[in-house]
Amino acid sequence: MKYKNIDPIVLIPAYMPDEKLINVVKELIKNDEKILIVNDGSGSDFDNIFEEAKKLGCVVLEHDVNKGKGRALKTGFKYCIENNYSAVTADADGQHLPKDIMNIERVLDENPDKMILGVRDFDETTPMRSMLGNTITRKVFKVINDGDEIVDTQTGLRGFSLDMIKDIIDIEGERYEFEMNMLLELKERNIEVIQEPIAVVYIDDNESSHYDTLRDSLRVYKRIIKYIISSTSSALVDYLSFCLFTFFGLPLLVATYTARLISSLFNYTLNRKYVFKNDGHIGKTMFKYYILVVIVAFLSYFFTNVVHNYIGINVYIAKAVVDMCLYVVTYNGQKYFVFK
């Protein structure tokens, strides 16, 4: 087993917290829990909260300015690595009950080789913005991860062994996107997940959350958005080239492969530099990229031919429909094979 049991600490990134944080801390302290709080640049108005936490026995680390939840978690993870702790992360707004935090710790102790997620069961009591945000993210995550589903992609209650912390601390992201990027990296890093049900607690319709729906959602979806832009522009180049070649009489197979060669060079450059930010050997990644191109191009040709000749749909419409269906195959092929 790669991962092993080790002393746990409850890691709480905190930005402008109130007494709800102290209430959770007191309950955890009663149960002999070690607690690490990262003050993410909350400002002097909140010094009393952090001083009270220190008096209760918490370790408090501080950022001079607000750097984001991702950076606060990484600061806490660095402390865990330096002091040999596993970690259960929890939010500072009182929405994670002490009993659930300790239960995640228990499950982690029994499964140190897995990431433990405390997942909420969303129902009619869930505030609309929380329900909508999690539903969209969950569906997008499922599509781009070969059907794997995380019930609560936005949960901040998670358990990590020390060795797993060492594995994930380098994942990209300084703010809320860091938690999403963890999930997007699971397969690549061969990390399994246990989804443990937790209570659903929303205080004042989740108004205390510092999550900015538009701004932070864009950060969470950043890689996906960049891939969509890259793929859409490449698909446009591919489609226009295909239309041009078939208009001038090239056979369907020749037109498909020639158009794909042109668009693939364009797509490879964009994805390597801007989407997956891979600095590996160009020759190796390009070789694997073109293995994928040949496979996907054949699938595109085969299914376009089937849809056009056997179903009777216009060849241009058939091509567009088939390539949209192959979109997920291409994304995952590049993520897990080409630019791994």
C-alpha atoms as a PDB file:
ATOM      1  CA  MET A   1       0.000   0.000   0.000  1.00  0.00           C
ATOM      2  CA  LYS A   2       1.445   3.359  -1.057  1.00  0.00           C
ATOM      3  CA  TYR A   3      -0.343   5.383   1.611  1.00  0.00           C
ATOM      4  CA  LYS A   4      -0.264   4.748   5.354  1.00  0.00           C
ATOM      5  CA  ASN A   5      -2.045   5.890   8.496  1.00  0.00           C
ATOM      6  CA  ILE A   6      -0.569   8.876  10.311  1.00  0.00           C
ATOM      7  CA  ASP A   7      -1.736  11.443  12.880  1.00  0.00           C
ATOM      8  CA  PRO A   8      -4.552  13.625  11.480  1.00  0.00           C
ATOM      9  CA  ILE A   9      -5.132  17.355  11.784  1.00  0.00           C
ATOM     10  CA  VAL A  10      -8.250  19.320  10.859  1.00  0.00           C
ATOM     11  CA  LEU A  11      -7.235  21.982   8.324  1.00  0.00           C
ATOM     12  CA  ILE A  12      -9.567  24.990   8.047  1.00  0.00           C
ATOM     13  CA  PRO A  13      -8.852  27.770   5.519  1.00  0.00           C
ATOM     14  CA  ALA A  14     -10.567  30.896   6.828  1.00  0.00           C
ATOM     15  CA  TYR A  15     -11.369  34.261   5.246  1.00  0.00           C
ATOM     16  CA  MET A  16     -13.271  36.765   7.378  1.00  0.00           C
ATOM     17  CA  PRO A  17     -14.830  34.124   9.679  1.00  0.00           C
ATOM     18  CA  ASP A  18     -17.269  34.722  12.528  1.00  0.00           C
ATOM     19  CA  GLU A  19     -18.185  32.947  15.751  1.00  0.00           C
ATOM     20  CA  LYS A  20     -19.414  29.904  13.819  1.00  0.00           C
ATOM     21  CA  LEU A  21     -15.760  28.966  13.325  1.00  0.00           C
ATOM     22  CA  ILE A  22     -15.143  29.178  17.095  1.00  0.00           C
ATOM     23  CA  ASN A  23     -18.201  27.030  17.815  1.00  0.00           C
ATOM     24  CA  VAL A  24     -16.903  24.272  15.522  1.00  0.00           C
ATOM     25  CA  VAL A  25     -13.411  24.552  17.007  1.00  0.00           C
ATOM     26  CA  LYS A  26     -14.714  24.207  20.567  1.00  0.00           C
ATOM     27  CA  GLU A  27     -16.610  21.046  19.696  1.00  0.00           C
ATOM     28  CA  LEU A  28     -13.598  19.537  17.969  1.00  0.00           C
ATOM     29  CA  ILE A  29     -11.297  20.450  20.862  1.00  0.00           C
ATOM     30  CA  LYS A  30     -13.644  18.576  23.227  1.00  0.00           C
ATOM     31  CA  ASN A  31     -12.897  15.480  21.171  1.00  0.00           C
ATOM     32  CA  ASP A  32      -9.123  15.977  21.335  1.00  0.00           C
ATOM     33  CA  GLU A  33      -8.816  17.018  17.698  1.00  0.00           C
ATOM     34  CA  LYS A  34      -5.729  18.886  16.474  1.00  0.00           C
ATOM     35  CA  ILE A  35      -6.730  21.956  14.468  1.00  0.00           C
ATOM     36  CA  LEU A  36      -4.812  24.055  11.945  1.00  0.00           C
ATOM     37  CA  ILE A  37      -6.394  27.314  10.735  1.00  0.00           C
ATOM     38  CA  VAL A  38      -5.033  29.386   7.866  1.00  0.00           C
ATOM     39  CA  ASN A  39      -6.025  33.045   8.130  1.00  0.00           C
ATOM     40  CA  ASP A  40      -6.187  34.007   4.451  1.00  0.00           C
ATOM     41  CA  GLY A  41      -5.661  37.765   4.822  1.00  0.00           C
ATOM     42  CA  SER A  42      -8.896  38.440   6.714  1.00  0.00           C
ATOM     43  CA  GLY A  43      -7.724  41.809   8.030  1.00  0.00           C
ATOM     44  CA  SER A  44      -7.403  43.283  11.521  1.00  0.00           C
ATOM     45  CA  ASP A  45     -11.178  43.362  12.087  1.00  0.00           C
ATOM     46  CA  PHE A  46     -11.056  39.578  12.494  1.00  0.00           C
ATOM     47  CA  ASP A  47      -8.002  39.322  14.742  1.00  0.00           C
ATOM     48  CA  ASN A  48     -10.205  38.579  17.761  1.00  0.00           C
ATOM     49  CA  ILE A  49     -11.541  35.417  16.114  1.00  0.00           C
ATOM     50  CA  PHE A  50      -8.077  34.069  15.366  1.00  0.00           C
ATOM     51  CA  GLU A  51      -6.736  35.055  18.787  1.00  0.00           C
ATOM     52  CA  GLU A  52      -9.578  33.149  20.407  1.00  0.00           C
ATOM     53  CA  ALA A  53      -8.773  30.137  18.222  1.00  0.00           C
ATOM     54  CA  LYS A  54      -5.135  30.293  19.358  1.00  0.00           C
ATOM     55  CA  LYS A  55      -6.217  30.404  23.017  1.00  0.00           C
ATOM     56  CA  LEU A  56      -8.307  27.289  22.439  1.00  0.00           C
ATOM     57  CA  GLY A  57      -5.179  25.477  21.224  1.00  0.00           C
ATOM     58  CA  CYS A  58      -5.361  25.857  17.436  1.00  0.00           C
ATOM     59  CA  VAL A  59      -2.304  26.411  15.268  1.00  0.00           C
ATOM     60  CA  VAL A  60      -2.964  29.566  13.213  1.00  0.00           C
ATOM     61  CA  LEU A  61      -0.963  30.407  10.077  1.00  0.00           C
ATOM     62  CA  GLU A  62      -1.437  33.776   8.397  1.00  0.00           C
ATOM     63  CA  HIS A  63      -1.365  35.294   4.914  1.00  0.00           C
ATOM     64  CA  ASP A  64      -0.672  39.040   4.843  1.00  0.00           C
ATOM     65  CA  VAL A  65      -3.259  39.466   2.073  1.00  0.00           C
ATOM     66  CA  ASN A  66      -6.082  37.345   0.702  1.00  0.00           C
ATOM     67  CA  LYS A  67      -4.513  34.777  -1.644  1.00  0.00           C
ATOM     68  CA  GLY A  68      -7.450  32.470  -2.205  1.00  0.00           C
ATOM     69  CA  LYS A  69      -8.719  29.171  -0.810  1.00  0.00           C
ATOM     70  CA  GLY A  70      -6.391  27.097  -2.961  1.00  0.00           C
ATOM     71  CA  ARG A  71      -3.300  28.878  -1.664  1.00  0.00           C
ATOM     72  CA  ALA A  72      -4.602  28.668   1.917  1.00  0.00           C
ATOM     73  CA  LEU A  73      -5.021  24.913   1.537  1.00  0.00           C
ATOM     74  CA  LYS A  74      -1.518  24.608   0.093  1.00  0.00           C
ATOM     75  CA  THR A  75      -0.105  26.602   3.014  1.00  0.00           C
ATOM     76  CA  GLY A  76      -1.843  24.162   5.348  1.00  0.00           C
ATOM     77  CA  PHE A  77      -0.651  21.162   3.324  1.00  0.00           C
ATOM     78  CA  LYS A  78       2.918  22.442   3.535  1.00  0.00           C
ATOM     79  CA  TYR A  79       2.586  22.546   7.328  1.00  0.00           C
ATOM     80  CA  CYS A  80       1.244  18.965   7.278  1.00  0.00           C
ATOM     81  CA  ILE A  81       4.212  17.766   5.239  1.00  0.00           C
ATOM     82  CA  GLU A  82       6.705  19.513   7.534  1.00  0.00           C
ATOM     83  CA  ASN A  83       5.038  18.149  10.682  1.00  0.00           C
ATOM     84  CA  ASN A  84       3.890  14.700   9.491  1.00  0.00           C
ATOM     85  CA  TYR A  85       0.120  15.046   9.571  1.00  0.00           C
ATOM     86  CA  SER A  86      -2.636  13.660   7.425  1.00  0.00           C
ATOM     87  CA  ALA A  87      -5.445  16.187   6.953  1.00  0.00           C
ATOM     88  CA  VAL A  88      -9.191  16.573   6.950  1.00  0.00           C
ATOM     89  CA  THR A  89     -10.085  19.895   5.343  1.00  0.00           C
ATOM     90  CA  ALA A  90     -13.243  21.737   6.426  1.00  0.00           C
ATOM     91  CA  ASP A  91     -14.823  25.113   5.716  1.00  0.00           C
ATOM     92  CA  ALA A  92     -14.842  27.952   8.245  1.00  0.00           C
ATOM     93  CA  ASP A  93     -18.515  28.923   7.893  1.00  0.00           C
ATOM     94  CA  GLY A  94     -19.987  26.295  10.227  1.00  0.00           C
ATOM     95  CA  GLN A  95     -21.576  24.250   7.451  1.00  0.00           C
ATOM     96  CA  HIS A  96     -19.496  21.166   8.237  1.00  0.00           C
ATOM     97  CA  LEU A  97     -20.658  19.589  11.472  1.00  0.00           C
ATOM     98  CA  PRO A  98     -17.978  18.383  13.916  1.00  0.00           C
ATOM     99  CA  LYS A  99     -19.469  14.866  13.857  1.00  0.00           C
ATOM    100  CA  ASP A 100     -19.083  14.755  10.047  1.00  0.00           C
ATOM    101  CA  ILE A 101     -15.524  16.088  10.222  1.00  0.00           C
ATOM    102  CA  MET A 102     -14.599  13.362  12.695  1.00  0.00           C
ATOM    103  CA  ASN A 103     -16.385  10.728  10.614  1.00  0.00           C
ATOM    104  CA  ILE A 104     -14.341  11.685   7.540  1.00  0.00           C
ATOM    105  CA  GLU A 105     -11.258  11.329   9.735  1.00  0.00           C
ATOM    106  CA  ARG A 106     -12.404   7.824  10.728  1.00  0.00           C
ATOM    107  CA  VAL A 107     -13.015   6.772   7.112  1.00  0.00           C
ATOM    108  CA  LEU A 108      -9.604   8.164   6.141  1.00  0.00           C
ATOM    109  CA  ASP A 109      -7.961   6.137   8.889  1.00  0.00           C
ATOM    110  CA  GLU A 110      -9.583   2.988   7.473  1.00  0.00           C
ATOM    111  CA  ASN A 111      -8.749   3.921   3.862  1.00  0.00           C
ATOM    112  CA  PRO A 112      -5.454   5.861   3.799  1.00  0.00           C
ATOM    113  CA  ASP A 113      -4.921   5.062   0.115  1.00  0.00           C
ATOM    114  CA  LYS A 114      -8.085   6.920  -0.961  1.00  0.00           C
ATOM    115  CA  MET A 115      -9.294  10.519  -1.039  1.00  0.00           C
ATOM    116  CA  ILE A 116     -12.356  10.857   1.174  1.00  0.00           C
ATOM    117  CA  LEU A 117     -15.080  13.288   0.115  1.00  0.00           C
ATOM    118  CA  GLY A 118     -17.876  14.370   2.435  1.00  0.00           C
ATOM    119  CA  VAL A 119     -20.787  14.670  -0.002  1.00  0.00           C
ATOM    120  CA  ARG A 120     -24.126  16.382   0.513  1.00  0.00           C
ATOM    121  CA  ASP A 121     -27.466  14.962  -0.607  1.00  0.00           C
ATOM    122  CA  PHE A 122     -29.060  17.930  -2.375  1.00  0.00           C
ATOM    123  CA  ASP A 123     -32.822  18.300  -1.920  1.00  0.00           C
ATOM    124  CA  GLU A 124     -35.569  20.930  -1.884  1.00  0.00           C
ATOM    125  CA  THR A 125     -33.986  22.651   1.141  1.00  0.00           C
ATOM    126  CA  THR A 126     -30.806  23.460  -0.809  1.00  0.00           C
ATOM    127  CA  PRO A 127     -30.397  27.153  -1.785  1.00  0.00           C
ATOM    128  CA  MET A 128     -30.880  27.639  -5.514  1.00  0.00           C
ATOM    129  CA  ARG A 129     -27.368  28.943  -6.250  1.00  0.00           C
ATOM    130  CA  SER A 130     -25.786  25.970  -4.450  1.00  0.00           C
ATOM    131  CA  MET A 131     -28.068  23.477  -6.196  1.00  0.00           C
ATOM    132  CA  LEU A 132     -27.517  25.028  -9.627  1.00  0.00           C
ATOM    133  CA  GLY A 133     -23.769  25.428  -9.274  1.00  0.00           C
ATOM    134  CA  ASN A 134     -23.183  21.888  -8.064  1.00  0.00           C
ATOM    135  CA  THR A 135     -25.528  20.330 -10.627  1.00  0.00           C
ATOM    136  CA  ILE A 136     -23.802  22.031 -13.567  1.00  0.00           C
ATOM    137  CA  THR A 137     -20.331  21.199 -12.274  1.00  0.00           C
ATOM    138  CA  ARG A 138     -21.299  17.594 -11.548  1.00  0.00           C
ATOM    139  CA  LYS A 139     -22.674  17.067 -15.057  1.00  0.00           C
ATOM    140  CA  VAL A 140     -19.681  18.690 -16.748  1.00  0.00           C
ATOM    141  CA  PHE A 141     -17.304  16.634 -14.604  1.00  0.00           C
ATOM    142  CA  LYS A 142     -19.127  13.424 -15.518  1.00  0.00           C
ATOM    143  CA  VAL A 143     -18.945  14.159 -19.243  1.00  0.00           C
ATOM    144  CA  ILE A 144     -15.207  14.868 -19.327  1.00  0.00           C
ATOM    145  CA  ASN A 145     -14.253  12.004 -16.979  1.00  0.00           C
ATOM    146  CA  ASP A 146     -15.623   8.991 -18.861  1.00  0.00           C
ATOM    147  CA  GLY A 147     -18.875   8.880 -16.921  1.00  0.00           C
ATOM    148  CA  ASP A 148     -17.346   8.931 -13.441  1.00  0.00           C
ATOM    149  CA  GLU A 149     -19.617  10.912 -11.141  1.00  0.00           C
ATOM    150  CA  ILE A 150     -18.811  12.889  -8.022  1.00  0.00           C
ATOM    151  CA  VAL A 151     -22.034  13.635  -6.141  1.00  0.00           C
ATOM    152  CA  ASP A 152     -20.726  16.864  -4.608  1.00  0.00           C
ATOM    153  CA  THR A 153     -17.874  18.368  -6.643  1.00  0.00           C
ATOM    154  CA  GLN A 154     -17.825  21.525  -4.542  1.00  0.00           C
ATOM    155  CA  THR A 155     -17.455  19.943  -1.118  1.00  0.00           C
ATOM    156  CA  GLY A 156     -14.715  21.378   1.054  1.00  0.00           C
ATOM    157  CA  LEU A 157     -14.844  18.469   3.523  1.00  0.00           C
ATOM    158  CA  ARG A 158     -12.138  16.088   2.309  1.00  0.00           C
ATOM    159  CA  GLY A 159      -9.680  13.641   3.828  1.00  0.00           C
ATOM    160  CA  PHE A 160      -6.069  13.162   2.673  1.00  0.00           C
ATOM    161  CA  SER A 161      -3.247  10.947   3.888  1.00  0.00           C
ATOM    162  CA  LEU A 162       0.170  12.575   4.251  1.00  0.00           C
ATOM    163  CA  ASP A 163       1.527  10.821   1.164  1.00  0.00           C
ATOM    164  CA  MET A 164      -1.496  11.903  -0.848  1.00  0.00           C
ATOM    165  CA  ILE A 165      -0.938  15.511   0.268  1.00  0.00           C
ATOM    166  CA  LYS A 166       2.590  15.251  -1.120  1.00  0.00           C
ATOM    167  CA  ASP A 167       1.117  13.983  -4.398  1.00  0.00           C
ATOM    168  CA  ILE A 168      -1.467  16.721  -4.873  1.00  0.00           C
ATOM    169  CA  ILE A 169       0.136  19.866  -3.439  1.00  0.00           C
ATOM    170  CA  ASP A 170       1.584  20.740  -6.850  1.00  0.00           C
ATOM    171  CA  ILE A 171      -1.814  20.754  -8.614  1.00  0.00           C
ATOM    172  CA  GLU A 172      -2.586  24.041 -10.347  1.00  0.00           C
ATOM    173  CA  GLY A 173      -4.945  26.532  -8.711  1.00  0.00           C
ATOM    174  CA  GLU A 174      -4.795  29.303  -6.122  1.00  0.00           C
ATOM    175  CA  ARG A 175      -8.483  29.839  -5.401  1.00  0.00           C
ATOM    176  CA  TYR A 176     -11.627  27.682  -5.571  1.00  0.00           C
ATOM    177  CA  GLU A 177     -10.470  26.019  -8.783  1.00  0.00           C
ATOM    178  CA  PHE A 178      -7.799  24.107  -6.818  1.00  0.00           C
ATOM    179  CA  GLU A 179     -10.467  21.845  -5.307  1.00  0.00           C
ATOM    180  CA  MET A 180     -11.976  21.141  -8.731  1.00  0.00           C
ATOM    181  CA  ASN A 181      -8.559  20.545 -10.275  1.00  0.00           C
ATOM    182  CA  MET A 182      -7.914  17.899  -7.618  1.00  0.00           C
ATOM    183  CA  LEU A 183     -10.913  15.957  -8.891  1.00  0.00           C
ATOM    184  CA  LEU A 184      -9.855  16.423 -12.516  1.00  0.00           C
ATOM    185  CA  GLU A 185      -6.444  14.923 -11.662  1.00  0.00           C
ATOM    186  CA  LEU A 186      -7.761  11.814  -9.890  1.00  0.00           C
ATOM    187  CA  LYS A 187      -7.421   9.380 -12.782  1.00  0.00           C
ATOM    188  CA  GLU A 188      -4.099  10.736 -13.914  1.00  0.00           C
ATOM    189  CA  ARG A 189      -2.669  10.243 -10.416  1.00  0.00           C
ATOM    190  CA  ASN A 190      -4.387   6.875  -9.873  1.00  0.00           C
ATOM    191  CA  ILE A 191      -6.291   8.112  -6.824  1.00  0.00           C
ATOM    192  CA  GLU A 192      -9.538   6.411  -5.837  1.00  0.00           C
ATOM    193  CA  VAL A 193     -12.341   8.211  -4.028  1.00  0.00           C
ATOM    194  CA  ILE A 194     -14.748   7.306  -1.258  1.00  0.00           C
ATOM    195  CA  GLN A 195     -17.862   9.493  -1.125  1.00  0.00           C
ATOM    196  CA  GLU A 196     -19.135   9.617   2.438  1.00  0.00           C
ATOM    197  CA  PRO A 197     -22.587  11.177   3.049  1.00  0.00           C
ATOM    198  CA  ILE A 198     -22.690  14.194   5.357  1.00  0.00           C
ATOM    199  CA  ALA A 199     -25.409  16.450   6.734  1.00  0.00           C
ATOM    200  CA  VAL A 200     -26.646  19.333   4.605  1.00  0.00           C
ATOM    201  CA  VAL A 201     -26.279  22.562   6.583  1.00  0.00           C
ATOM    202  CA  TYR A 202     -27.037  25.957   5.036  1.00  0.00           C
ATOM    203  CA  ILE A 203     -26.984  29.053   7.219  1.00  0.00           C
ATOM    204  CA  ASP A 204     -29.001  32.058   5.937  1.00  0.00           C
ATOM    205  CA  ASP A 205     -29.243  30.451   2.486  1.00  0.00           C
ATOM    206  CA  ASN A 206     -25.449  30.174   2.319  1.00  0.00           C
ATOM    207  CA  GLU A 207     -25.050  33.951   2.288  1.00  0.00           C
ATOM    208  CA  SER A 208     -21.787  33.718   4.242  1.00  0.00           C
ATOM    209  CA  SER A 209     -20.056  31.955   1.362  1.00  0.00           C
ATOM    210  CA  HIS A 210     -17.287  33.987  -0.316  1.00  0.00           C
ATOM    211  CA  TYR A 211     -17.763  32.061  -3.573  1.00  0.00           C
ATOM    212  CA  ASP A 212     -18.463  34.515  -6.402  1.00  0.00           C
ATOM    213  CA  THR A 213     -20.746  32.548  -8.720  1.00  0.00           C
ATOM    214  CA  LEU A 214     -19.535  34.053 -12.011  1.00  0.00           C
ATOM    215  CA  ARG A 215     -15.888  34.879 -11.288  1.00  0.00           C
ATOM    216  CA  ASP A 216     -15.030  31.732  -9.360  1.00  0.00           C
ATOM    217  CA  SER A 217     -17.007  29.462 -11.692  1.00  0.00           C
ATOM    218  CA  LEU A 218     -14.865  30.747 -14.552  1.00  0.00           C
ATOM    219  CA  ARG A 219     -11.767  29.835 -12.545  1.00  0.00           C
ATOM    220  CA  VAL A 220     -13.169  26.376 -11.730  1.00  0.00           C
ATOM    221  CA  TYR A 221     -13.951  25.709 -15.390  1.00  0.00           C
ATOM    222  CA  LYS A 222     -10.810  27.408 -16.700  1.00  0.00           C
ATOM    223  CA  ARG A 223      -9.140  24.357 -18.188  1.00  0.00           C
ATOM    224  CA  ILE A 224     -12.413  23.064 -19.608  1.00  0.00           C
ATOM    225  CA  ILE A 225     -13.239  26.466 -21.118  1.00  0.00           C
ATOM    226  CA  LYS A 226      -9.803  26.756 -22.696  1.00  0.00           C
ATOM    227  CA  TYR A 227     -10.156  23.242 -24.118  1.00  0.00           C
ATOM    228  CA  ILE A 228     -13.601  24.065 -25.512  1.00  0.00           C
ATOM    229  CA  ILE A 229     -12.235  27.211 -27.207  1.00  0.00           C
ATOM    230  CA  SER A 230      -9.248  25.313 -28.571  1.00  0.00           C
ATOM    231  CA  SER A 231     -11.356  22.402 -29.783  1.00  0.00           C
ATOM    232  CA  THR A 232     -14.076  24.599 -31.261  1.00  0.00           C
ATOM    233  CA  SER A 233     -11.627  26.707 -33.252  1.00  0.00           C
ATOM    234  CA  SER A 234      -9.771  23.572 -34.393  1.00  0.00           C
ATOM    235  CA  ALA A 235     -13.041  21.882 -35.305  1.00  0.00           C
ATOM    236  CA  LEU A 236     -13.974  24.939 -37.367  1.00  0.00           C
ATOM    237  CA  VAL A 237     -10.667  24.733 -39.244  1.00  0.00           C
ATOM    238  CA  ASP A 238     -11.235  20.993 -39.748  1.00  0.00           C
ATOM    239  CA  TYR A 239     -14.824  21.399 -40.902  1.00  0.00           C
ATOM    240  CA  LEU A 240     -14.130  24.245 -43.345  1.00  0.00           C
ATOM    241  CA  SER A 241     -11.164  22.363 -44.784  1.00  0.00           C
ATOM    242  CA  PHE A 242     -13.294  19.230 -45.170  1.00  0.00           C
ATOM    243  CA  CYS A 243     -16.038  21.188 -46.939  1.00  0.00           C
ATOM    244  CA  LEU A 244     -13.498  22.826 -49.257  1.00  0.00           C
ATOM    245  CA  PHE A 245     -11.805  19.549 -50.206  1.00  0.00           C
ATOM    246  CA  THR A 246     -15.050  17.682 -50.856  1.00  0.00           C
ATOM    247  CA  PHE A 247     -16.366  20.662 -52.859  1.00  0.00           C
ATOM    248  CA  PHE A 248     -13.385  20.292 -55.190  1.00  0.00           C
ATOM    249  CA  GLY A 249     -14.005  16.570 -55.596  1.00  0.00           C
ATOM    250  CA  LEU A 250     -11.623  14.844 -53.188  1.00  0.00           C
ATOM    251  CA  PRO A 251     -12.842  11.431 -51.961  1.00  0.00           C
ATOM    252  CA  LEU A 252     -14.418  11.374 -48.497  1.00  0.00           C
ATOM    253  CA  LEU A 253     -11.522   9.478 -46.889  1.00  0.00           C
ATOM    254  CA  VAL A 254      -8.849  11.758 -48.399  1.00  0.00           C
ATOM    255  CA  ALA A 255     -10.795  14.893 -47.475  1.00  0.00           C
ATOM    256  CA  THR A 256     -11.253  13.681 -43.880  1.00  0.00           C
ATOM    257  CA  TYR A 257      -7.561  12.922 -43.278  1.00  0.00           C
ATOM    258  CA  THR A 258      -6.224  16.013 -45.050  1.00  0.00           C
ATOM    259  CA  ALA A 259      -8.544  18.324 -43.125  1.00  0.00           C
ATOM    260  CA  ARG A 260      -7.654  16.578 -39.872  1.00  0.00           C
ATOM    261  CA  LEU A 261      -3.919  16.963 -40.540  1.00  0.00           C
ATOM    262  CA  ILE A 262      -4.256  20.726 -40.963  1.00  0.00           C
ATOM    263  CA  SER A 263      -6.517  21.250 -37.939  1.00  0.00           C
ATOM    264  CA  SER A 264      -4.507  18.869 -35.767  1.00  0.00           C
ATOM    265  CA  LEU A 265      -1.298  20.909 -36.077  1.00  0.00           C
ATOM    266  CA  PHE A 266      -3.269  23.949 -34.993  1.00  0.00           C
ATOM    267  CA  ASN A 267      -4.955  22.036 -32.148  1.00  0.00           C
ATOM    268  CA  TYR A 268      -1.745  20.374 -30.895  1.00  0.00           C
ATOM    269  CA  THR A 269      -0.019  23.731 -30.513  1.00  0.00           C
ATOM    270  CA  LEU A 270      -2.923  25.337 -28.647  1.00  0.00           C
ATOM    271  CA  ASN A 271      -3.465  22.404 -26.289  1.00  0.00           C
ATOM    272  CA  ARG A 272       0.194  21.862 -25.498  1.00  0.00           C
ATOM    273  CA  LYS A 273       0.899  25.519 -24.730  1.00  0.00           C
ATOM    274  CA  TYR A 274      -2.338  26.851 -23.266  1.00  0.00           C
ATOM    275  CA  VAL A 275      -4.692  24.055 -22.174  1.00  0.00           C
ATOM    276  CA  PHE A 276      -2.607  21.286 -20.604  1.00  0.00           C
ATOM    277  CA  LYS A 277       0.571  23.404 -20.297  1.00  0.00           C
ATOM    278  CA  ASN A 278       2.776  20.427 -21.056  1.00  0.00           C
ATOM    279  CA  ASP A 279       6.509  21.082 -21.264  1.00  0.00           C
ATOM    280  CA  GLY A 280       7.470  17.499 -22.114  1.00  0.00           C
ATOM    281  CA  HIS A 281       9.426  16.390 -25.156  1.00  0.00           C
ATOM    282  CA  ILE A 282       7.684  17.714 -28.284  1.00  0.00           C
ATOM    283  CA  GLY A 283       8.573  14.645 -30.341  1.00  0.00           C
ATOM    284  CA  LYS A 284       7.049  12.217 -27.836  1.00  0.00           C
ATOM    285  CA  THR A 285       3.874  14.192 -27.231  1.00  0.00           C
ATOM    286  CA  MET A 286       3.391  14.848 -30.947  1.00  0.00           C
ATOM    287  CA  PHE A 287       3.887  11.151 -31.736  1.00  0.00           C
ATOM    288  CA  LYS A 288       1.204  10.166 -29.207  1.00  0.00           C
ATOM    289  CA  TYR A 289      -0.986  13.042 -30.373  1.00  0.00           C
ATOM    290  CA  TYR A 290      -0.976  11.748 -33.948  1.00  0.00           C
ATOM    291  CA  ILE A 291      -1.711   8.201 -32.851  1.00  0.00           C
ATOM    292  CA  LEU A 292      -4.842   9.679 -31.266  1.00  0.00           C
ATOM    293  CA  VAL A 293      -5.530  11.790 -34.385  1.00  0.00           C
ATOM    294  CA  VAL A 294      -5.416   8.707 -36.636  1.00  0.00           C
ATOM    295  CA  ILE A 295      -7.741   6.765 -34.350  1.00  0.00           C
ATOM    296  CA  VAL A 296     -10.254   9.598 -33.994  1.00  0.00           C
ATOM    297  CA  ALA A 297     -10.072  10.444 -37.710  1.00  0.00           C
ATOM    298  CA  PHE A 298     -10.856   6.820 -38.589  1.00  0.00           C
ATOM    299  CA  LEU A 299     -13.781   6.837 -36.176  1.00  0.00           C
ATOM    300  CA  SER A 300     -14.946  10.121 -37.689  1.00  0.00           C
ATOM    301  CA  TYR A 301     -14.716   8.712 -41.226  1.00  0.00           C
ATOM    302  CA  PHE A 302     -16.381   5.419 -40.304  1.00  0.00           C
ATOM    303  CA  PHE A 303     -19.333   6.883 -38.441  1.00  0.00           C
ATOM    304  CA  THR A 304     -19.782   9.800 -40.871  1.00  0.00           C
ATOM    305  CA  ASN A 305     -19.941   7.240 -43.665  1.00  0.00           C
ATOM    306  CA  VAL A 306     -22.464   5.121 -41.752  1.00  0.00           C
ATOM    307  CA  VAL A 307     -24.681   8.058 -40.831  1.00  0.00           C
ATOM    308  CA  HIS A 308     -24.530   9.477 -44.394  1.00  0.00           C
ATOM    309  CA  ASN A 309     -24.967   6.285 -46.431  1.00  0.00           C
ATOM    310  CA  TYR A 310     -27.117   4.111 -44.192  1.00  0.00           C
ATOM    311  CA  ILE A 311     -29.249   6.669 -42.388  1.00  0.00           C
ATOM    312  CA  GLY A 312     -29.384   9.133 -45.273  1.00  0.00           C
ATOM    313  CA  ILE A 313     -28.344  12.304 -43.462  1.00  0.00           C
ATOM    314  CA  ASN A 314     -26.535  15.030 -45.412  1.00  0.00           C
ATOM    315  CA  VAL A 315     -22.780  14.369 -45.269  1.00  0.00           C
ATOM    316  CA  TYR A 316     -21.984  17.799 -43.787  1.00  0.00           C
ATOM    317  CA  ILE A 317     -24.542  17.422 -41.006  1.00  0.00           C
ATOM    318  CA  ALA A 318     -23.403  13.847 -40.388  1.00  0.00           C
ATOM    319  CA  LYS A 319     -19.797  14.995 -40.061  1.00  0.00           C
ATOM    320  CA  ALA A 320     -20.697  17.706 -37.526  1.00  0.00           C
ATOM    321  CA  VAL A 321     -22.827  15.350 -35.403  1.00  0.00           C
ATOM    322  CA  VAL A 322     -20.223  12.569 -35.373  1.00  0.00           C
ATOM    323  CA  ASP A 323     -17.376  14.916 -34.418  1.00  0.00           C
ATOM    324  CA  MET A 324     -19.392  16.391 -31.553  1.00  0.00           C
ATOM    325  CA  CYS A 325     -19.947  12.872 -30.219  1.00  0.00           C
ATOM    326  CA  LEU A 326     -16.193  12.181 -30.451  1.00  0.00           C
ATOM    327  CA  TYR A 327     -15.410  15.340 -28.502  1.00  0.00           C
ATOM    328  CA  VAL A 328     -15.225  13.590 -25.126  1.00  0.00           C
ATOM    329  CA  VAL A 329     -13.040  10.803 -26.548  1.00  0.00           C
ATOM    330  CA  THR A 330     -10.562  13.363 -27.861  1.00  0.00           C
ATOM    331  CA  TYR A 331     -10.414  15.367 -24.615  1.00  0.00           C
ATOM    332  CA  ASN A 332      -9.733  12.355 -22.439  1.00  0.00           C
ATOM    333  CA  GLY A 333      -7.261  10.933 -24.939  1.00  0.00           C
ATOM    334  CA  GLN A 334      -5.227  14.131 -24.766  1.00  0.00           C
ATOM    335  CA  LYS A 335      -5.533  14.468 -20.996  1.00  0.00           C
ATOM    336  CA  TYR A 336      -4.654  10.890 -20.027  1.00  0.00           C
ATOM    337  CA  PHE A 337      -2.491   9.750 -22.968  1.00  0.00           C
ATOM    338  CA  VAL A 338      -0.902  12.597 -24.912  1.00  0.00           C
ATOM    339  CA  PHE A 339      -0.230  15.337 -22.342  1.00  0.00           C
ATOM    340  CA  LYS A 340      -0.307  13.184 -19.184  1.00  0.00           C
END
